[in-house]
Amino acid sequence: MGSSGSIFSGSSKQHILTGHEGSINDMCISPDGSFLATASEDGTCRVWDIQQKTLKAVMTGHSQYVSCIATSDTHIFTGSADKAVRRWNRHTGECEGVFTGHQSVVTKIIVHGDFLFSASLDKTVRLWSVSTGQCLHVYTEHTRGISTMLLADLSVPDRRLWRKWRSKSALSSPVEEPHKFLLITGSADNSAKAWTPARASSVVTYTGHGSAVICLDVNAGERQLFTGSSDGTARSWDLETGQPLCMYDGHMGPIICLKVYHRLLFTGSADGTVRRWYTDTKECTRVYRGHKNAVTSLVVEGSVLFTSGGDGLTRAWDMKTGDCRKIFRGHEFLINCILVSDHKLYSGSYDKTVRIWDVKPLLCVCYKAKC
């Protein structure tokens, strides 16, 4: 079914989770931090006990590859190329619901309370009730496939903004709106859109990119949206009005991932570099070079920037100096996703494995040095 092993690489001990028969496409950690869930090209989801590094359950039922995954306190949710979303009992591994209606690959899912949002290459987002499985609404304004989506927490209210958005036409069927949350979608139609979940139409459209919007992030406190595109640029926008604020231009290839951290923006590109920008001046203050292929994902944890790439490596960078503090080796092929939780680095790869490193010493050194 699957196994876990431990080896030493340099000065770091790493655990290897094996058992999938296809690429690791996505992964997430449960809200309580007790388990890791992995989604694979082999059409399955696997659940691993984080403390024991052991396999707890294998979820089978999708007829094609599993593209995305999310968790709640009690369930795991998977989206697939078979156009369906499935809800699984995290303890038994049993499928307790199938959400059907999409006409193409499900690319992203988000769970918030009793609401589930699913984005698809069929140009739509669907809003579901987790408890009943009912599709509450279909958002249909994008003209090409949707590849990225996030739910922005606007819990510090801007009363004028919310009065304006509440005036939009409501759905025909009542939906209890997730309090002070805004849904943002990015599409191959070169635009991003903002939606209040209980409204029938988008409230803002962000246009200006010359190609597909691939990645998103939000600085909720500053009411700013950041988008990365295959046109090689990142842009910032006024979240309320859609007015463009800055364009971050310097990469030689598509921007695959980005992250906002206070007043800094980090962008990872197919050109193999990560760039650091001041969000307000659009000045590029540092270029992180070292990956031999596309930068596929990045994570900011404390004062450390973690990046992974098509070269099968994950690198840890001193955010202040730009020095590469450590290179994590072991994967045989490109890394699709990374995450950091409880001083552990997790990397999921095309080589069908997940590797886990203890990065507490690295983080503690950087905290002490105030990098």
Foldseek 3Di string as FASTA:
>chain_A
DWDKDWDDDVPWIKIKIFDFPFFFQEKDAEPVRQWIWTFGQSQKIWIAGPVVRHTQEIAHDGPGGWHEWDDYNFWIWTWAQSQKIWIAGNRPNDTDDIQHDGPGGFQYWDDDPQWIWTFWQSQWIWIAGNVPSDTPAIAHPGPGGWHDKDKDALVVDDVVLVVLQVVAAFDPDDDDWDPRIWMWIWGQSQKIFIPRVGHRYTQEIAHDGPGTFAEWDDPSVQQKIWTWFQSQWIWIANNRHNHTQDIQHDDPGGFHYWDDDPQWIWTWGQSQWIWIARNRPSDTDDIQHDGPGGWQYWDDDQQWIWIFFQVQKIWIARNPPSDTPDIDDDDPGGWNDWDDDPQKIWTTGRSRMIMIIRRVVVNVVCVVVVD
